[in-house]
Amino acid sequence: MAGSVPGVPSDQNAPACPTCDQPLTGLAMALFKRDDDGERTCRAVWGCALGHVWWQWADRARLPLEPCPRPDLFT
């Protein structure tokens, strides 16, 4: 996709912010070890214009967004 940045979630199908309903923009991908299955996988990090930062497991995109515990690392 033209204009995409490797390692950053695509804004093409971006969800809306659960707090303010503003469109979310992909901020980063962060590698973590998942507690429930021990897999190392990425979290897609999303942010809105009002400063709310959310994330979700990149391979489980149908699950709800979760508030990012360290938004300062991505803004």
PDB file of N, CA and C in Angstrom:
ATOM      1  N   MET A   1       0.845  -1.180   0.000  1.00  0.00           N
ATOM      2  CA  MET A   1       0.000   0.000   0.000  1.00  0.00           C
ATOM      3  C   MET A   1       0.886   1.237   0.000  1.00  0.00           C
ATOM      4  N   ALA A   2       0.649   2.149  -0.885  1.00  0.00           N
ATOM      5  CA  ALA A   2       1.442   3.363  -0.972  1.00  0.00           C
ATOM      6  C   ALA A   2       1.269   4.197   0.285  1.00  0.00           C
ATOM      7  N   GLY A   3       2.375   4.706   0.793  1.00  0.00           N
ATOM      8  CA  GLY A   3       2.325   5.550   1.969  1.00  0.00           C
ATOM      9  C   GLY A   3       2.335   4.803   3.283  1.00  0.00           C
ATOM     10  N   SER A   4       2.326   3.478   3.252  1.00  0.00           N
ATOM     11  CA  SER A   4       2.339   2.738   4.511  1.00  0.00           C
ATOM     12  C   SER A   4       3.748   2.705   5.076  1.00  0.00           C
ATOM     13  N   VAL A   5       3.833   2.580   6.383  1.00  0.00           N
ATOM     14  CA  VAL A   5       5.106   2.519   7.072  1.00  0.00           C
ATOM     15  C   VAL A   5       5.253   1.124   7.656  1.00  0.00           C
ATOM     16  N   PRO A   6       6.322   0.397   7.309  1.00  0.00           N
ATOM     17  CA  PRO A   6       6.504  -0.951   7.850  1.00  0.00           C
ATOM     18  C   PRO A   6       6.510  -0.927   9.380  1.00  0.00           C
ATOM     19  N   GLY A   7       5.778  -1.865   9.972  1.00  0.00           N
ATOM     20  CA  GLY A   7       5.756  -1.988  11.424  1.00  0.00           C
ATOM     21  C   GLY A   7       4.746  -1.106  12.123  1.00  0.00           C
ATOM     22  N   VAL A   8       3.959  -0.342  11.369  1.00  0.00           N
ATOM     23  CA  VAL A   8       2.934   0.506  11.963  1.00  0.00           C
ATOM     24  C   VAL A   8       1.583   0.045  11.441  1.00  0.00           C
ATOM     25  N   PRO A   9       0.572  -0.092  12.325  1.00  0.00           N
ATOM     26  CA  PRO A   9      -0.741  -0.549  11.870  1.00  0.00           C
ATOM     27  C   PRO A   9      -1.301   0.341  10.761  1.00  0.00           C
ATOM     28  N   SER A  10      -2.004  -0.257   9.822  1.00  0.00           N
ATOM     29  CA  SER A  10      -2.598   0.476   8.710  1.00  0.00           C
ATOM     30  C   SER A  10      -3.832   1.236   9.168  1.00  0.00           C
ATOM     31  N   ASP A  11      -3.951   2.481   8.722  1.00  0.00           N
ATOM     32  CA  ASP A  11      -5.120   3.298   9.051  1.00  0.00           C
ATOM     33  C   ASP A  11      -6.309   2.985   8.156  1.00  0.00           C
ATOM     34  N   GLN A  12      -6.096   2.160   7.138  1.00  0.00           N
ATOM     35  CA  GLN A  12      -7.143   1.869   6.164  1.00  0.00           C
ATOM     36  C   GLN A  12      -8.397   1.296   6.823  1.00  0.00           C
ATOM     37  N   ASN A  13      -8.244   0.384   7.757  1.00  0.00           N
ATOM     38  CA  ASN A  13      -9.380  -0.213   8.460  1.00  0.00           C
ATOM     39  C   ASN A  13      -9.299   0.077   9.953  1.00  0.00           C
ATOM     40  N   ALA A  14      -8.878   1.269  10.286  1.00  0.00           N
ATOM     41  CA  ALA A  14      -8.661   1.633  11.689  1.00  0.00           C
ATOM     42  C   ALA A  14      -9.979   1.686  12.455  1.00  0.00           C
ATOM     43  N   PRO A  15      -9.955   1.216  13.687  1.00  0.00           N
ATOM     44  CA  PRO A  15     -11.151   1.322  14.528  1.00  0.00           C
ATOM     45  C   PRO A  15     -11.333   2.752  15.029  1.00  0.00           C
ATOM     46  N   ALA A  16     -12.475   3.029  15.613  1.00  0.00           N
ATOM     47  CA  ALA A  16     -12.733   4.324  16.250  1.00  0.00           C
ATOM     48  C   ALA A  16     -12.317   4.241  17.716  1.00  0.00           C
ATOM     49  N   CYS A  17     -11.954   5.371  18.289  1.00  0.00           N
ATOM     50  CA  CYS A  17     -11.568   5.414  19.699  1.00  0.00           C
ATOM     51  C   CYS A  17     -12.771   5.052  20.568  1.00  0.00           C
ATOM     52  N   PRO A  18     -12.626   4.081  21.470  1.00  0.00           N
ATOM     53  CA  PRO A  18     -13.740   3.701  22.346  1.00  0.00           C
ATOM     54  C   PRO A  18     -14.165   4.812  23.314  1.00  0.00           C
ATOM     55  N   THR A  19     -13.280   5.766  23.589  1.00  0.00           N
ATOM     56  CA  THR A  19     -13.591   6.841  24.527  1.00  0.00           C
ATOM     57  C   THR A  19     -14.313   8.009  23.870  1.00  0.00           C
ATOM     58  N   CYS A  20     -13.818   8.449  22.703  1.00  0.00           N
ATOM     59  CA  CYS A  20     -14.353   9.669  22.095  1.00  0.00           C
ATOM     60  C   CYS A  20     -14.893   9.478  20.681  1.00  0.00           C
ATOM     61  N   ASP A  21     -14.780   8.279  20.136  1.00  0.00           N
ATOM     62  CA  ASP A  21     -15.275   7.939  18.801  1.00  0.00           C
ATOM     63  C   ASP A  21     -14.521   8.618  17.663  1.00  0.00           C
ATOM     64  N   GLN A  22     -13.371   9.239  17.948  1.00  0.00           N
ATOM     65  CA  GLN A  22     -12.522   9.817  16.907  1.00  0.00           C
ATOM     66  C   GLN A  22     -11.823   8.678  16.171  1.00  0.00           C
ATOM     67  N   PRO A  23     -11.433   8.897  14.910  1.00  0.00           N
ATOM     68  CA  PRO A  23     -10.684   7.852  14.200  1.00  0.00           C
ATOM     69  C   PRO A  23      -9.319   7.634  14.851  1.00  0.00           C
ATOM     70  N   LEU A  24      -8.900   6.380  14.897  1.00  0.00           N
ATOM     71  CA  LEU A  24      -7.584   6.053  15.444  1.00  0.00           C
ATOM     72  C   LEU A  24      -6.557   5.999  14.322  1.00  0.00           C
ATOM     73  N   THR A  25      -5.320   6.334  14.669  1.00  0.00           N
ATOM     74  CA  THR A  25      -4.195   6.274  13.752  1.00  0.00           C
ATOM     75  C   THR A  25      -3.205   5.254  14.290  1.00  0.00           C
ATOM     76  N   GLY A  26      -2.649   4.443  13.402  1.00  0.00           N
ATOM     77  CA  GLY A  26      -1.639   3.482  13.821  1.00  0.00           C
ATOM     78  C   GLY A  26      -0.381   4.191  14.287  1.00  0.00           C
ATOM     79  N   LEU A  27       0.083   3.853  15.498  1.00  0.00           N
ATOM     80  CA  LEU A  27       1.271   4.487  16.061  1.00  0.00           C
ATOM     81  C   LEU A  27       2.498   3.590  16.025  1.00  0.00           C
ATOM     82  N   ALA A  28       2.317   2.302  16.300  1.00  0.00           N
ATOM     83  CA  ALA A  28       3.481   1.414  16.413  1.00  0.00           C
ATOM     84  C   ALA A  28       3.036  -0.035  16.476  1.00  0.00           C
ATOM     85  N   MET A  29       4.030  -0.902  16.375  1.00  0.00           N
ATOM     86  CA  MET A  29       3.869  -2.322  16.682  1.00  0.00           C
ATOM     87  C   MET A  29       4.886  -2.608  17.787  1.00  0.00           C
ATOM     88  N   ALA A  30       4.454  -3.313  18.808  1.00  0.00           N
ATOM     89  CA  ALA A  30       5.328  -3.608  19.938  1.00  0.00           C
ATOM     90  C   ALA A  30       5.319  -5.116  20.196  1.00  0.00           C
ATOM     91  N   LEU A  31       6.496  -5.704  20.317  1.00  0.00           N
ATOM     92  CA  LEU A  31       6.617  -7.149  20.532  1.00  0.00           C
ATOM     93  C   LEU A  31       6.540  -7.471  22.019  1.00  0.00           C
ATOM     94  N   PHE A  32       5.642  -8.389  22.372  1.00  0.00           N
ATOM     95  CA  PHE A  32       5.445  -8.807  23.757  1.00  0.00           C
ATOM     96  C   PHE A  32       5.274 -10.315  23.824  1.00  0.00           C
ATOM     97  N   LYS A  33       5.496 -10.865  25.012  1.00  0.00           N
ATOM     98  CA  LYS A  33       5.190 -12.266  25.271  1.00  0.00           C
ATOM     99  C   LYS A  33       3.811 -12.311  25.915  1.00  0.00           C
ATOM    100  N   ARG A  34       2.920 -13.072  25.296  1.00  0.00           N
ATOM    101  CA  ARG A  34       1.551 -13.165  25.778  1.00  0.00           C
ATOM    102  C   ARG A  34       1.488 -14.144  26.944  1.00  0.00           C
ATOM    103  N   ASP A  35       0.824 -13.746  28.028  1.00  0.00           N
ATOM    104  CA  ASP A  35       0.746 -14.569  29.235  1.00  0.00           C
ATOM    105  C   ASP A  35      -0.068 -15.841  29.040  1.00  0.00           C
ATOM    106  N   ASP A  36      -1.175 -15.776  28.294  1.00  0.00           N
ATOM    107  CA  ASP A  36      -2.072 -16.931  28.236  1.00  0.00           C
ATOM    108  C   ASP A  36      -1.533 -18.110  27.433  1.00  0.00           C
ATOM    109  N   ASP A  37      -0.660 -17.854  26.451  1.00  0.00           N
ATOM    110  CA  ASP A  37      -0.133 -18.975  25.667  1.00  0.00           C
ATOM    111  C   ASP A  37       1.387 -18.956  25.505  1.00  0.00           C
ATOM    112  N   GLY A  38       2.055 -17.957  26.079  1.00  0.00           N
ATOM    113  CA  GLY A  38       3.510 -17.890  26.028  1.00  0.00           C
ATOM    114  C   GLY A  38       4.085 -17.482  24.683  1.00  0.00           C
ATOM    115  N   GLU A  39       3.236 -17.158  23.719  1.00  0.00           N
ATOM    116  CA  GLU A  39       3.686 -16.766  22.380  1.00  0.00           C
ATOM    117  C   GLU A  39       4.241 -15.345  22.398  1.00  0.00           C
ATOM    118  N   ARG A  40       5.290 -15.139  21.609  1.00  0.00           N
ATOM    119  CA  ARG A  40       5.801 -13.787  21.373  1.00  0.00           C
ATOM    120  C   ARG A  40       5.087 -13.268  20.136  1.00  0.00           C
ATOM    121  N   THR A  41       4.359 -12.198  20.307  1.00  0.00           N
ATOM    122  CA  THR A  41       3.605 -11.622  19.192  1.00  0.00           C
ATOM    123  C   THR A  41       3.494 -10.119  19.372  1.00  0.00           C
ATOM    124  N   CYS A  42       3.026  -9.460  18.353  1.00  0.00           N
ATOM    125  CA  CYS A  42       2.965  -7.992  18.373  1.00  0.00           C
ATOM    126  C   CYS A  42       1.628  -7.485  18.871  1.00  0.00           C
ATOM    127  N   ARG A  43       1.696  -6.321  19.476  1.00  0.00           N
ATOM    128  CA  ARG A  43       0.506  -5.548  19.799  1.00  0.00           C
ATOM    129  C   ARG A  43       0.490  -4.357  18.849  1.00  0.00           C
ATOM    130  N   ALA A  44      -0.649  -4.131  18.209  1.00  0.00           N
ATOM    131  CA  ALA A  44      -0.840  -2.941  17.391  1.00  0.00           C
ATOM    132  C   ALA A  44      -1.240  -1.808  18.330  1.00  0.00           C
ATOM    133  N   VAL A  45      -0.543  -0.690  18.231  1.00  0.00           N
ATOM    134  CA  VAL A  45      -0.798   0.462  19.098  1.00  0.00           C
ATOM    135  C   VAL A  45      -1.489   1.543  18.271  1.00  0.00           C
ATOM    136  N   TRP A  46      -2.608   2.044  18.801  1.00  0.00           N
ATOM    137  CA  TRP A  46      -3.434   3.033  18.111  1.00  0.00           C
ATOM    138  C   TRP A  46      -3.603   4.275  18.983  1.00  0.00           C
ATOM    139  N   GLY A  47      -3.723   5.432  18.351  1.00  0.00           N
ATOM    140  CA  GLY A  47      -3.962   6.667  19.098  1.00  0.00           C
ATOM    141  C   GLY A  47      -4.932   7.569  18.353  1.00  0.00           C
ATOM    142  N   CYS A  48      -5.666   8.402  19.085  1.00  0.00           N
ATOM    143  CA  CYS A  48      -6.586   9.355  18.470  1.00  0.00           C
ATOM    144  C   CYS A  48      -6.047  10.773  18.647  1.00  0.00           C
ATOM    145  N   ALA A  49      -6.686  11.720  17.989  1.00  0.00           N
ATOM    146  CA  ALA A  49      -6.252  13.120  18.034  1.00  0.00           C
ATOM    147  C   ALA A  49      -6.371  13.729  19.429  1.00  0.00           C
ATOM    148  N   LEU A  50      -7.207  13.143  20.283  1.00  0.00           N
ATOM    149  CA  LEU A  50      -7.378  13.666  21.634  1.00  0.00           C
ATOM    150  C   LEU A  50      -6.396  13.050  22.629  1.00  0.00           C
ATOM    151  N   GLY A  51      -5.509  12.194  22.152  1.00  0.00           N
ATOM    152  CA  GLY A  51      -4.453  11.652  23.010  1.00  0.00           C
ATOM    153  C   GLY A  51      -4.743  10.320  23.669  1.00  0.00           C
ATOM    154  N   HIS A  52      -5.867   9.691  23.374  1.00  0.00           N
ATOM    155  CA  HIS A  52      -6.152   8.366  23.928  1.00  0.00           C
ATOM    156  C   HIS A  52      -5.311   7.337  23.173  1.00  0.00           C
ATOM    157  N   VAL A  53      -4.693   6.415  23.894  1.00  0.00           N
ATOM    158  CA  VAL A  53      -3.840   5.390  23.275  1.00  0.00           C
ATOM    159  C   VAL A  53      -4.364   4.018  23.676  1.00  0.00           C
ATOM    160  N   TRP A  54      -4.542   3.181  22.670  1.00  0.00           N
ATOM    161  CA  TRP A  54      -5.106   1.840  22.829  1.00  0.00           C
ATOM    162  C   TRP A  54      -4.199   0.835  22.162  1.00  0.00           C
ATOM    163  N   TRP A  55      -4.338  -0.433  22.554  1.00  0.00           N
ATOM    164  CA  TRP A  55      -3.608  -1.479  21.840  1.00  0.00           C
ATOM    165  C   TRP A  55      -4.410  -2.759  21.836  1.00  0.00           C
ATOM    166  N   GLN A  56      -3.958  -3.680  20.971  1.00  0.00           N
ATOM    167  CA  GLN A  56      -4.607  -4.980  20.858  1.00  0.00           C
ATOM    168  C   GLN A  56      -3.589  -5.950  20.267  1.00  0.00           C
ATOM    169  N   TRP A  57      -3.797  -7.234  20.506  1.00  0.00           N
ATOM    170  CA  TRP A  57      -2.924  -8.233  19.896  1.00  0.00           C
ATOM    171  C   TRP A  57      -3.128  -8.188  18.394  1.00  0.00           C
ATOM    172  N   ALA A  58      -2.052  -8.084  17.653  1.00  0.00           N
ATOM    173  CA  ALA A  58      -2.136  -7.955  16.194  1.00  0.00           C
ATOM    174  C   ALA A  58      -2.768  -9.191  15.552  1.00  0.00           C
ATOM    175  N   ASP A  59      -2.565 -10.356  16.166  1.00  0.00           N
ATOM    176  CA  ASP A  59      -3.141 -11.574  15.594  1.00  0.00           C
ATOM    177  C   ASP A  59      -4.530 -11.890  16.151  1.00  0.00           C
ATOM    178  N   ARG A  60      -5.058 -11.009  16.972  1.00  0.00           N
ATOM    179  CA  ARG A  60      -6.405 -11.178  17.540  1.00  0.00           C
ATOM    180  C   ARG A  60      -7.187  -9.873  17.398  1.00  0.00           C
ATOM    181  N   ALA A  61      -7.210  -9.351  16.187  1.00  0.00           N
ATOM    182  CA  ALA A  61      -7.790  -8.031  15.935  1.00  0.00           C
ATOM    183  C   ALA A  61      -9.289  -7.950  16.217  1.00  0.00           C
ATOM    184  N   ARG A  62      -9.956  -9.078  16.314  1.00  0.00           N
ATOM    185  CA  ARG A  62     -11.403  -9.046  16.596  1.00  0.00           C
ATOM    186  C   ARG A  62     -11.695  -8.810  18.078  1.00  0.00           C
ATOM    187  N   LEU A  63     -10.685  -8.963  18.928  1.00  0.00           N
ATOM    188  CA  LEU A  63     -10.877  -8.685  20.353  1.00  0.00           C
ATOM    189  C   LEU A  63     -10.953  -7.176  20.578  1.00  0.00           C
ATOM    190  N   PRO A  64     -11.610  -6.739  21.641  1.00  0.00           N
ATOM    191  CA  PRO A  64     -11.734  -5.303  21.899  1.00  0.00           C
ATOM    192  C   PRO A  64     -10.369  -4.659  22.163  1.00  0.00           C
ATOM    193  N   LEU A  65     -10.291  -3.370  21.851  1.00  0.00           N
ATOM    194  CA  LEU A  65      -9.095  -2.602  22.175  1.00  0.00           C
ATOM    195  C   LEU A  65      -8.960  -2.502  23.687  1.00  0.00           C
ATOM    196  N   GLU A  66      -7.714  -2.446  24.158  1.00  0.00           N
ATOM    197  CA  GLU A  66      -7.428  -2.285  25.578  1.00  0.00           C
ATOM    198  C   GLU A  66      -6.678  -0.975  25.769  1.00  0.00           C
ATOM    199  N   PRO A  67      -6.908  -0.274  26.887  1.00  0.00           N
ATOM    200  CA  PRO A  67      -6.119   0.931  27.140  1.00  0.00           C
ATOM    201  C   PRO A  67      -4.634   0.555  27.245  1.00  0.00           C
ATOM    202  N   CYS A  68      -3.794   1.318  26.601  1.00  0.00           N
ATOM    203  CA  CYS A  68      -2.354   1.057  26.662  1.00  0.00           C
ATOM    204  C   CYS A  68      -1.838   1.511  28.025  1.00  0.00           C
ATOM    205  N   PRO A  69      -1.133   0.631  28.761  1.00  0.00           N
ATOM    206  CA  PRO A  69      -0.677   0.999  30.102  1.00  0.00           C
ATOM    207  C   PRO A  69       0.490   2.004  30.091  1.00  0.00           C
ATOM    208  N   ARG A  70       1.179   2.159  28.958  1.00  0.00           N
ATOM    209  CA  ARG A  70       2.314   3.086  28.865  1.00  0.00           C
ATOM    210  C   ARG A  70       2.214   3.964  27.622  1.00  0.00           C
ATOM    211  N   PRO A  71       1.183   4.811  27.545  1.00  0.00           N
ATOM    212  CA  PRO A  71       1.018   5.636  26.346  1.00  0.00           C
ATOM    213  C   PRO A  71       2.197   6.571  26.102  1.00  0.00           C
ATOM    214  N   ASP A  72       2.917   6.919  27.153  1.00  0.00           N
ATOM    215  CA  ASP A  72       4.059   7.817  27.012  1.00  0.00           C
ATOM    216  C   ASP A  72       5.157   7.222  26.119  1.00  0.00           C
ATOM    217  N   LEU A  73       5.179   5.916  25.968  1.00  0.00           N
ATOM    218  CA  LEU A  73       6.188   5.273  25.114  1.00  0.00           C
ATOM    219  C   LEU A  73       5.864   5.423  23.630  1.00  0.00           C
ATOM    220  N   PHE A  74       4.646   5.776  23.297  1.00  0.00           N
ATOM    221  CA  PHE A  74       4.214   5.787  21.904  1.00  0.00           C
ATOM    222  C   PHE A  74       3.746   7.143  21.404  1.00  0.00           C
ATOM    223  N   THR A  75       3.717   8.160  22.250  1.00  0.00           N
ATOM    224  CA  THR A  75       3.254   9.479  21.799  1.00  0.00           C
ATOM    225  C   THR A  75       4.361  10.493  21.887  1.00  0.00           C
TER     226      THR A  75
END
